[in-house]
């Protein structure tokens, strides 16, 4: 029975450390998308094409 308590404590420590690492990564900008904005100009979207026709 004491092994179960030990495993529960260890799993709580591991889960807490993963949560802490996730929060740290989110705050430090690890999940910011830096690729899409630079590639967005390469793809032509239908809305800008339609606006160009309306302006002519």
C-alpha atoms as a PDB file:
ATOM      1  CA  UNK A   1       0.000   0.000   0.000  1.00  0.00           C
ATOM      2  CA  UNK A   2       2.866   2.376   0.710  1.00  0.00           C
ATOM      3  CA  UNK A   3       4.158   1.790  -2.838  1.00  0.00           C
ATOM      4  CA  UNK A   4       0.894   3.222  -4.205  1.00  0.00           C
ATOM      5  CA  UNK A   5       1.305   6.383  -2.116  1.00  0.00           C
ATOM      6  CA  UNK A   6       4.883   6.712  -3.296  1.00  0.00           C
ATOM      7  CA  UNK A   7       3.834   6.320  -6.944  1.00  0.00           C
ATOM      8  CA  UNK A   8       1.047   8.890  -6.530  1.00  0.00           C
ATOM      9  CA  UNK A   9       3.489  11.418  -5.063  1.00  0.00           C
ATOM     10  CA  UNK A  10       6.024  10.797  -7.835  1.00  0.00           C
ATOM     11  CA  UNK A  11       3.355  11.105 -10.528  1.00  0.00           C
ATOM     12  CA  UNK A  12       2.136  14.391  -9.032  1.00  0.00           C
ATOM     13  CA  UNK A  13       5.698  15.743  -9.069  1.00  0.00           C
ATOM     14  CA  UNK A  14       6.184  14.678 -12.699  1.00  0.00           C
ATOM     15  CA  UNK A  15       2.810  16.141 -13.742  1.00  0.00           C
ATOM     16  CA  UNK A  16       3.570  19.402 -11.938  1.00  0.00           C
ATOM     17  CA  UNK A  17       6.948  19.678 -13.620  1.00  0.00           C
ATOM     18  CA  UNK A  18       5.393  19.099 -17.050  1.00  0.00           C
ATOM     19  CA  UNK A  19       2.792  21.763 -16.314  1.00  0.00           C
ATOM     20  CA  UNK A  20       5.488  24.173 -15.182  1.00  0.00           C
ATOM     21  CA  UNK A  21       7.550  23.521 -18.308  1.00  0.00           C
ATOM     22  CA  UNK A  22       4.498  24.049 -20.524  1.00  0.00           C
ATOM     23  CA  UNK A  23       3.666  27.369 -18.872  1.00  0.00           C
ATOM     24  CA  UNK A  24       7.311  28.468 -19.150  1.00  0.00           C
ATOM     25  CA  UNK A  25       7.418  27.534 -22.858  1.00  0.00           C
ATOM     26  CA  UNK A  26       4.145  29.342 -23.569  1.00  0.00           C
ATOM     27  CA  UNK A  27       5.310  32.529 -21.836  1.00  0.00           C
ATOM     28  CA  UNK A  28       8.734  32.507 -23.501  1.00  0.00           C
ATOM     29  CA  UNK A  29       7.227  32.407 -26.997  1.00  0.00           C
ATOM     30  CA  UNK A  30       8.051  28.802 -27.848  1.00  0.00           C
ATOM     31  CA  UNK A  31       4.668  28.322 -29.531  1.00  0.00           C
ATOM     32  CA  UNK A  32       4.648  31.589 -31.509  1.00  0.00           C
ATOM     33  CA  UNK A  33       4.176  31.063 -35.211  1.00  0.00           C
ATOM     34  CA  UNK A  34       7.026  32.797 -37.006  1.00  0.00           C
ATOM     35  CA  UNK A  35       6.805  30.932 -40.306  1.00  0.00           C
ATOM     36  CA  UNK A  36       3.235  31.593 -41.435  1.00  0.00           C
ATOM     37  CA  UNK A  37       3.356  35.423 -41.559  1.00  0.00           C
ATOM     38  CA  UNK A  38       6.369  35.375 -43.840  1.00  0.00           C
ATOM     39  CA  UNK A  39       4.803  32.769 -46.134  1.00  0.00           C
ATOM     40  CA  UNK A  40       1.365  34.397 -46.205  1.00  0.00           C
ATOM     41  CA  UNK A  41       2.423  36.817 -48.915  1.00  0.00           C
ATOM     42  CA  UNK A  42       3.343  33.901 -51.198  1.00  0.00           C
ATOM     43  CA  UNK A  43      -0.202  32.596 -51.365  1.00  0.00           C
ATOM     44  CA  UNK A  44      -2.805  34.593 -53.228  1.00  0.00           C
ATOM     45  CA  UNK A  45      -6.137  34.696 -51.484  1.00  0.00           C
ATOM     46  CA  UNK A  46      -9.477  35.180 -53.216  1.00  0.00           C
ATOM     47  CA  UNK A  47     -10.447  38.270 -51.241  1.00  0.00           C
ATOM     48  CA  UNK A  48      -7.518  40.379 -52.408  1.00  0.00           C
ATOM     49  CA  UNK A  49      -8.089  39.242 -55.989  1.00  0.00           C
ATOM     50  CA  UNK A  50     -11.718  40.350 -55.757  1.00  0.00           C
ATOM     51  CA  UNK A  51     -10.735  43.721 -54.261  1.00  0.00           C
ATOM     52  CA  UNK A  52      -8.262  44.302 -57.088  1.00  0.00           C
ATOM     53  CA  UNK A  53     -11.031  43.760 -59.655  1.00  0.00           C
ATOM     54  CA  UNK A  54     -13.352  46.147 -57.813  1.00  0.00           C
ATOM     55  CA  UNK A  55     -10.717  48.890 -57.765  1.00  0.00           C
ATOM     56  CA  UNK A  56     -10.193  48.789 -61.551  1.00  0.00           C
END
